[in-house]
Amino acid sequence: MQTGQTSDVARRLLRGLGHSAGPIENAWKRTAVMAVNGGVPLEEVARWVDMPVKALREMPTAGRQEDDS
């Protein structure tokens, strides 16, 4: 096992990134869906998030208004 200041910093950074990945992914997906629901063309949002239109269209809430209840 590596020890020392550099490895400790790298370990803490990677651990933090690992915990942050899920919320970040959820945030960009929700933002993409809100953009589509707000009238931005699906093709344009797909370019913004660098993913195929088909994949964005297949997201569970793509093209539907979110339920605020």
PDB file of N, CA and C in Angstrom:
ATOM      1  N   MET A   1       0.838  -1.165   0.000  1.00  0.00           N
ATOM      2  CA  MET A   1       0.000   0.000   0.000  1.00  0.00           C
ATOM      3  C   MET A   1       0.887   1.234   0.000  1.00  0.00           C
ATOM      4  N   GLN A   2       0.543   2.184  -0.872  1.00  0.00           N
ATOM      5  CA  GLN A   2       1.278   3.448  -0.932  1.00  0.00           C
ATOM      6  C   GLN A   2       0.870   4.335   0.242  1.00  0.00           C
ATOM      7  N   THR A   3       1.840   5.013   0.810  1.00  0.00           N
ATOM      8  CA  THR A   3       1.561   5.965   1.880  1.00  0.00           C
ATOM      9  C   THR A   3       2.308   7.253   1.593  1.00  0.00           C
ATOM     10  N   GLY A   4       1.980   8.278   2.305  1.00  0.00           N
ATOM     11  CA  GLY A   4       2.632   9.561   2.110  1.00  0.00           C
ATOM     12  C   GLY A   4       1.619  10.608   1.714  1.00  0.00           C
ATOM     13  N   GLN A   5       2.076  11.848   1.662  1.00  0.00           N
ATOM     14  CA  GLN A   5       1.178  12.963   1.420  1.00  0.00           C
ATOM     15  C   GLN A   5       0.469  12.859   0.065  1.00  0.00           C
ATOM     16  N   THR A   6       1.185  12.543  -0.998  1.00  0.00           N
ATOM     17  CA  THR A   6       0.580  12.477  -2.331  1.00  0.00           C
ATOM     18  C   THR A   6      -0.465  11.380  -2.407  1.00  0.00           C
ATOM     19  N   SER A   7      -0.154  10.205  -1.901  1.00  0.00           N
ATOM     20  CA  SER A   7      -1.126   9.111  -1.970  1.00  0.00           C
ATOM     21  C   SER A   7      -2.325   9.382  -1.070  1.00  0.00           C
ATOM     22  N   ASP A   8      -2.119  10.025   0.072  1.00  0.00           N
ATOM     23  CA  ASP A   8      -3.239  10.359   0.950  1.00  0.00           C
ATOM     24  C   ASP A   8      -4.188  11.362   0.286  1.00  0.00           C
ATOM     25  N   VAL A   9      -3.615  12.371  -0.353  1.00  0.00           N
ATOM     26  CA  VAL A   9      -4.434  13.357  -1.056  1.00  0.00           C
ATOM     27  C   VAL A   9      -5.185  12.690  -2.205  1.00  0.00           C
ATOM     28  N   ALA A  10      -4.501  11.859  -2.972  1.00  0.00           N
ATOM     29  CA  ALA A  10      -5.143  11.167  -4.095  1.00  0.00           C
ATOM     30  C   ALA A  10      -6.268  10.268  -3.599  1.00  0.00           C
ATOM     31  N   ARG A  11      -6.031   9.558  -2.510  1.00  0.00           N
ATOM     32  CA  ARG A  11      -7.060   8.662  -1.957  1.00  0.00           C
ATOM     33  C   ARG A  11      -8.282   9.463  -1.525  1.00  0.00           C
ATOM     34  N   ARG A  12      -8.067  10.582  -0.817  1.00  0.00           N
ATOM     35  CA  ARG A  12      -9.197  11.402  -0.365  1.00  0.00           C
ATOM     36  C   ARG A  12      -9.950  11.994  -1.550  1.00  0.00           C
ATOM     37  N   LEU A  13      -9.218  12.458  -2.572  1.00  0.00           N
ATOM     38  CA  LEU A  13      -9.851  13.026  -3.750  1.00  0.00           C
ATOM     39  C   LEU A  13     -10.690  11.983  -4.472  1.00  0.00           C
ATOM     40  N   LEU A  14     -10.130  10.806  -4.692  1.00  0.00           N
ATOM     41  CA  LEU A  14     -10.874   9.745  -5.383  1.00  0.00           C
ATOM     42  C   LEU A  14     -12.083   9.299  -4.583  1.00  0.00           C
ATOM     43  N   ARG A  15     -11.949   9.219  -3.286  1.00  0.00           N
ATOM     44  CA  ARG A  15     -13.082   8.845  -2.442  1.00  0.00           C
ATOM     45  C   ARG A  15     -14.187   9.894  -2.550  1.00  0.00           C
ATOM     46  N   GLY A  16     -13.806  11.167  -2.513  1.00  0.00           N
ATOM     47  CA  GLY A  16     -14.785  12.240  -2.651  1.00  0.00           C
ATOM     48  C   GLY A  16     -15.456  12.242  -4.009  1.00  0.00           C
ATOM     49  N   LEU A  17     -14.676  12.036  -5.050  1.00  0.00           N
ATOM     50  CA  LEU A  17     -15.249  11.976  -6.405  1.00  0.00           C
ATOM     51  C   LEU A  17     -16.209  10.801  -6.533  1.00  0.00           C
ATOM     52  N   GLY A  18     -15.852   9.679  -5.937  1.00  0.00           N
ATOM     53  CA  GLY A  18     -16.733   8.515  -5.982  1.00  0.00           C
ATOM     54  C   GLY A  18     -18.073   8.794  -5.332  1.00  0.00           C
ATOM     55  N   HIS A  19     -18.063   9.519  -4.235  1.00  0.00           N
ATOM     56  CA  HIS A  19     -19.316   9.855  -3.549  1.00  0.00           C
ATOM     57  C   HIS A  19     -20.102  10.926  -4.287  1.00  0.00           C
ATOM     58  N   SER A  20     -19.419  11.757  -5.063  1.00  0.00           N
ATOM     59  CA  SER A  20     -20.069  12.852  -5.780  1.00  0.00           C
ATOM     60  C   SER A  20     -20.629  12.430  -7.137  1.00  0.00           C
ATOM     61  N   ALA A  21     -20.156  11.349  -7.682  1.00  0.00           N
ATOM     62  CA  ALA A  21     -20.536  10.956  -9.043  1.00  0.00           C
ATOM     63  C   ALA A  21     -22.041  10.750  -9.196  1.00  0.00           C
ATOM     64  N   GLY A  22     -22.667  10.088  -8.268  1.00  0.00           N
ATOM     65  CA  GLY A  22     -24.113   9.831  -8.358  1.00  0.00           C
ATOM     66  C   GLY A  22     -24.936  11.103  -8.372  1.00  0.00           C
ATOM     67  N   PRO A  23     -24.738  12.000  -7.400  1.00  0.00           N
ATOM     68  CA  PRO A  23     -25.511  13.247  -7.413  1.00  0.00           C
ATOM     69  C   PRO A  23     -25.242  14.111  -8.646  1.00  0.00           C
ATOM     70  N   ILE A  24     -24.010  14.122  -9.132  1.00  0.00           N
ATOM     71  CA  ILE A  24     -23.698  14.903 -10.333  1.00  0.00           C
ATOM     72  C   ILE A  24     -24.426  14.325 -11.539  1.00  0.00           C
ATOM     73  N   GLU A  25     -24.429  13.007 -11.676  1.00  0.00           N
ATOM     74  CA  GLU A  25     -25.129  12.370 -12.791  1.00  0.00           C
ATOM     75  C   GLU A  25     -26.622  12.675 -12.724  1.00  0.00           C
ATOM     76  N   ASN A  26     -27.199  12.573 -11.538  1.00  0.00           N
ATOM     77  CA  ASN A  26     -28.623  12.889 -11.390  1.00  0.00           C
ATOM     78  C   ASN A  26     -28.914  14.332 -11.762  1.00  0.00           C
ATOM     79  N   ALA A  27     -28.021  15.238 -11.392  1.00  0.00           N
ATOM     80  CA  ALA A  27     -28.225  16.659 -11.679  1.00  0.00           C
ATOM     81  C   ALA A  27     -28.211  16.939 -13.171  1.00  0.00           C
ATOM     82  N   TRP A  28     -27.250  16.363 -13.922  1.00  0.00           N
ATOM     83  CA  TRP A  28     -27.221  16.668 -15.353  1.00  0.00           C
ATOM     84  C   TRP A  28     -28.401  16.032 -16.066  1.00  0.00           C
ATOM     85  N   LYS A  29     -28.833  14.850 -15.601  1.00  0.00           N
ATOM     86  CA  LYS A  29     -29.991  14.209 -16.230  1.00  0.00           C
ATOM     87  C   LYS A  29     -31.253  15.029 -15.996  1.00  0.00           C
ATOM     88  N   ARG A  30     -31.451  15.480 -14.763  1.00  0.00           N
ATOM     89  CA  ARG A  30     -32.635  16.302 -14.461  1.00  0.00           C
ATOM     90  C   ARG A  30     -32.605  17.606 -15.257  1.00  0.00           C
ATOM     91  N   THR A  31     -31.436  18.200 -15.375  1.00  0.00           N
ATOM     92  CA  THR A  31     -31.299  19.451 -16.116  1.00  0.00           C
ATOM     93  C   THR A  31     -31.595  19.228 -17.593  1.00  0.00           C
ATOM     94  N   ALA A  32     -31.102  18.135 -18.153  1.00  0.00           N
ATOM     95  CA  ALA A  32     -31.367  17.818 -19.563  1.00  0.00           C
ATOM     96  C   ALA A  32     -32.861  17.619 -19.797  1.00  0.00           C
ATOM     97  N   VAL A  33     -33.517  16.888 -18.911  1.00  0.00           N
ATOM     98  CA  VAL A  33     -34.956  16.649 -19.045  1.00  0.00           C
ATOM     99  C   VAL A  33     -35.729  17.964 -18.925  1.00  0.00           C
ATOM    100  N   MET A  34     -35.327  18.813 -17.977  1.00  0.00           N
ATOM    101  CA  MET A  34     -36.011  20.104 -17.822  1.00  0.00           C
ATOM    102  C   MET A  34     -35.835  20.974 -19.058  1.00  0.00           C
ATOM    103  N   ALA A  35     -34.653  20.918 -19.684  1.00  0.00           N
ATOM    104  CA  ALA A  35     -34.424  21.698 -20.907  1.00  0.00           C
ATOM    105  C   ALA A  35     -35.344  21.222 -22.017  1.00  0.00           C
ATOM    106  N   VAL A  36     -35.448  19.903 -22.180  1.00  0.00           N
ATOM    107  CA  VAL A  36     -36.339  19.341 -23.214  1.00  0.00           C
ATOM    108  C   VAL A  36     -37.776  19.725 -22.912  1.00  0.00           C
ATOM    109  N   ASN A  37     -38.178  19.558 -21.659  1.00  0.00           N
ATOM    110  CA  ASN A  37     -39.552  19.905 -21.279  1.00  0.00           C
ATOM    111  C   ASN A  37     -39.818  21.398 -21.420  1.00  0.00           C
ATOM    112  N   GLY A  38     -38.770  22.203 -21.349  1.00  0.00           N
ATOM    113  CA  GLY A  38     -38.904  23.648 -21.505  1.00  0.00           C
ATOM    114  C   GLY A  38     -38.910  24.109 -22.946  1.00  0.00           C
ATOM    115  N   GLY A  39     -38.762  23.167 -23.874  1.00  0.00           N
ATOM    116  CA  GLY A  39     -38.865  23.515 -25.286  1.00  0.00           C
ATOM    117  C   GLY A  39     -37.570  23.493 -26.074  1.00  0.00           C
ATOM    118  N   VAL A  40     -36.443  23.190 -25.426  1.00  0.00           N
ATOM    119  CA  VAL A  40     -35.184  23.091 -26.167  1.00  0.00           C
ATOM    120  C   VAL A  40     -35.235  21.803 -26.989  1.00  0.00           C
ATOM    121  N   PRO A  41     -34.906  21.866 -28.271  1.00  0.00           N
ATOM    122  CA  PRO A  41     -34.954  20.661 -29.104  1.00  0.00           C
ATOM    123  C   PRO A  41     -34.070  19.531 -28.528  1.00  0.00           C
ATOM    124  N   LEU A  42     -34.601  18.327 -28.566  1.00  0.00           N
ATOM    125  CA  LEU A  42     -33.909  17.152 -28.056  1.00  0.00           C
ATOM    126  C   LEU A  42     -32.524  17.013 -28.669  1.00  0.00           C
ATOM    127  N   GLU A  43     -32.402  17.299 -29.965  1.00  0.00           N
ATOM    128  CA  GLU A  43     -31.114  17.180 -30.652  1.00  0.00           C
ATOM    129  C   GLU A  43     -30.084  18.135 -30.070  1.00  0.00           C
ATOM    130  N   GLU A  44     -30.534  19.341 -29.710  1.00  0.00           N
ATOM    131  CA  GLU A  44     -29.608  20.325 -29.151  1.00  0.00           C
ATOM    132  C   GLU A  44     -29.146  19.909 -27.758  1.00  0.00           C
ATOM    133  N   VAL A  45     -30.065  19.440 -26.933  1.00  0.00           N
ATOM    134  CA  VAL A  45     -29.701  18.978 -25.592  1.00  0.00           C
ATOM    135  C   VAL A  45     -28.753  17.784 -25.696  1.00  0.00           C
ATOM    136  N   ALA A  46     -29.003  16.895 -26.627  1.00  0.00           N
ATOM    137  CA  ALA A  46     -28.125  15.731 -26.821  1.00  0.00           C
ATOM    138  C   ALA A  46     -26.707  16.190 -27.163  1.00  0.00           C
ATOM    139  N   ARG A  47     -26.576  17.236 -27.968  1.00  0.00           N
ATOM    140  CA  ARG A  47     -25.244  17.780 -28.279  1.00  0.00           C
ATOM    141  C   ARG A  47     -24.590  18.345 -27.022  1.00  0.00           C
ATOM    142  N   TRP A  48     -25.372  19.057 -26.207  1.00  0.00           N
ATOM    143  CA  TRP A  48     -24.833  19.658 -24.989  1.00  0.00           C
ATOM    144  C   TRP A  48     -24.253  18.618 -24.045  1.00  0.00           C
ATOM    145  N   VAL A  49     -24.937  17.478 -23.936  1.00  0.00           N
ATOM    146  CA  VAL A  49     -24.492  16.443 -22.987  1.00  0.00           C
ATOM    147  C   VAL A  49     -23.660  15.365 -23.673  1.00  0.00           C
ATOM    148  N   ASP A  50     -23.388  15.560 -24.981  1.00  0.00           N
ATOM    149  CA  ASP A  50     -22.550  14.647 -25.752  1.00  0.00           C
ATOM    150  C   ASP A  50     -23.038  13.196 -25.653  1.00  0.00           C
ATOM    151  N   MET A  51     -24.317  13.018 -26.007  1.00  0.00           N
ATOM    152  CA  MET A  51     -24.865  11.667 -26.045  1.00  0.00           C
ATOM    153  C   MET A  51     -25.825  11.559 -27.223  1.00  0.00           C
ATOM    154  N   PRO A  52     -26.055  10.347 -27.697  1.00  0.00           N
ATOM    155  CA  PRO A  52     -26.967  10.173 -28.833  1.00  0.00           C
ATOM    156  C   PRO A  52     -28.398  10.602 -28.476  1.00  0.00           C
ATOM    157  N   VAL A  53     -29.102  11.153 -29.458  1.00  0.00           N
ATOM    158  CA  VAL A  53     -30.489  11.567 -29.263  1.00  0.00           C
ATOM    159  C   VAL A  53     -31.319  10.388 -28.759  1.00  0.00           C
ATOM    160  N   LYS A  54     -31.086   9.222 -29.337  1.00  0.00           N
ATOM    161  CA  LYS A  54     -31.862   8.033 -28.946  1.00  0.00           C
ATOM    162  C   LYS A  54     -31.692   7.728 -27.457  1.00  0.00           C
ATOM    163  N   ALA A  55     -30.485   7.834 -26.948  1.00  0.00           N
ATOM    164  CA  ALA A  55     -30.246   7.553 -25.534  1.00  0.00           C
ATOM    165  C   ALA A  55     -30.952   8.580 -24.660  1.00  0.00           C
ATOM    166  N   LEU A  56     -30.913   9.847 -25.054  1.00  0.00           N
ATOM    167  CA  LEU A  56     -31.592  10.889 -24.288  1.00  0.00           C
ATOM    168  C   LEU A  56     -33.107  10.682 -24.326  1.00  0.00           C
ATOM    169  N   ARG A  57     -33.623  10.309 -25.485  1.00  0.00           N
ATOM    170  CA  ARG A  57     -35.060  10.079 -25.636  1.00  0.00           C
ATOM    171  C   ARG A  57     -35.532   8.932 -24.754  1.00  0.00           C
ATOM    172  N   GLU A  58     -34.654   7.962 -24.501  1.00  0.00           N
ATOM    173  CA  GLU A  58     -35.035   6.790 -23.716  1.00  0.00           C
ATOM    174  C   GLU A  58     -34.921   6.998 -22.205  1.00  0.00           C
ATOM    175  N   MET A  59     -34.448   8.176 -21.793  1.00  0.00           N
ATOM    176  CA  MET A  59     -34.393   8.451 -20.362  1.00  0.00           C
ATOM    177  C   MET A  59     -35.817   8.420 -19.817  1.00  0.00           C
ATOM    178  N   PRO A  60     -36.001   7.918 -18.607  1.00  0.00           N
ATOM    179  CA  PRO A  60     -37.359   7.683 -18.081  1.00  0.00           C
ATOM    180  C   PRO A  60     -38.320   8.857 -18.150  1.00  0.00           C
ATOM    181  N   THR A  61     -37.867  10.094 -17.982  1.00  0.00           N
ATOM    182  CA  THR A  61     -38.788  11.210 -17.974  1.00  0.00           C
ATOM    183  C   THR A  61     -38.622  12.140 -19.168  1.00  0.00           C
ATOM    184  N   ALA A  62     -37.814  11.766 -20.144  1.00  0.00           N
ATOM    185  CA  ALA A  62     -37.599  12.636 -21.308  1.00  0.00           C
ATOM    186  C   ALA A  62     -38.913  12.866 -22.040  1.00  0.00           C
ATOM    187  N   GLY A  63     -39.180  14.113 -22.343  1.00  0.00           N
ATOM    188  CA  GLY A  63     -40.378  14.458 -23.106  1.00  0.00           C
ATOM    189  C   GLY A  63     -41.634  14.565 -22.277  1.00  0.00           C
ATOM    190  N   ARG A  64     -41.548  14.372 -20.956  1.00  0.00           N
ATOM    191  CA  ARG A  64     -42.717  14.493 -20.080  1.00  0.00           C
ATOM    192  C   ARG A  64     -42.432  15.546 -19.030  1.00  0.00           C
ATOM    193  N   GLN A  65     -43.456  16.252 -18.639  1.00  0.00           N
ATOM    194  CA  GLN A  65     -43.310  17.223 -17.560  1.00  0.00           C
ATOM    195  C   GLN A  65     -43.080  16.477 -16.266  1.00  0.00           C
ATOM    196  N   GLU A  66     -42.211  17.042 -15.400  1.00  0.00           N
ATOM    197  CA  GLU A  66     -41.992  16.426 -14.108  1.00  0.00           C
ATOM    198  C   GLU A  66     -43.178  16.676 -13.215  1.00  0.00           C
ATOM    199  N   ASP A  67     -43.472  15.715 -12.367  1.00  0.00           N
ATOM    200  CA  ASP A  67     -44.559  15.826 -11.413  1.00  0.00           C
ATOM    201  C   ASP A  67     -44.057  16.530 -10.178  1.00  0.00           C
ATOM    202  N   ASP A  68     -44.608  17.687  -9.839  1.00  0.00           N
ATOM    203  CA  ASP A  68     -44.168  18.467  -8.695  1.00  0.00           C
ATOM    204  C   ASP A  68     -44.790  18.016  -7.388  1.00  0.00           C
ATOM    205  N   SER A  69     -45.664  17.039  -7.404  1.00  0.00           N
ATOM    206  CA  SER A  69     -46.316  16.615  -6.161  1.00  0.00           C
ATOM    207  C   SER A  69     -45.453  15.694  -5.342  1.00  0.00           C
TER     208      SER A  69
END
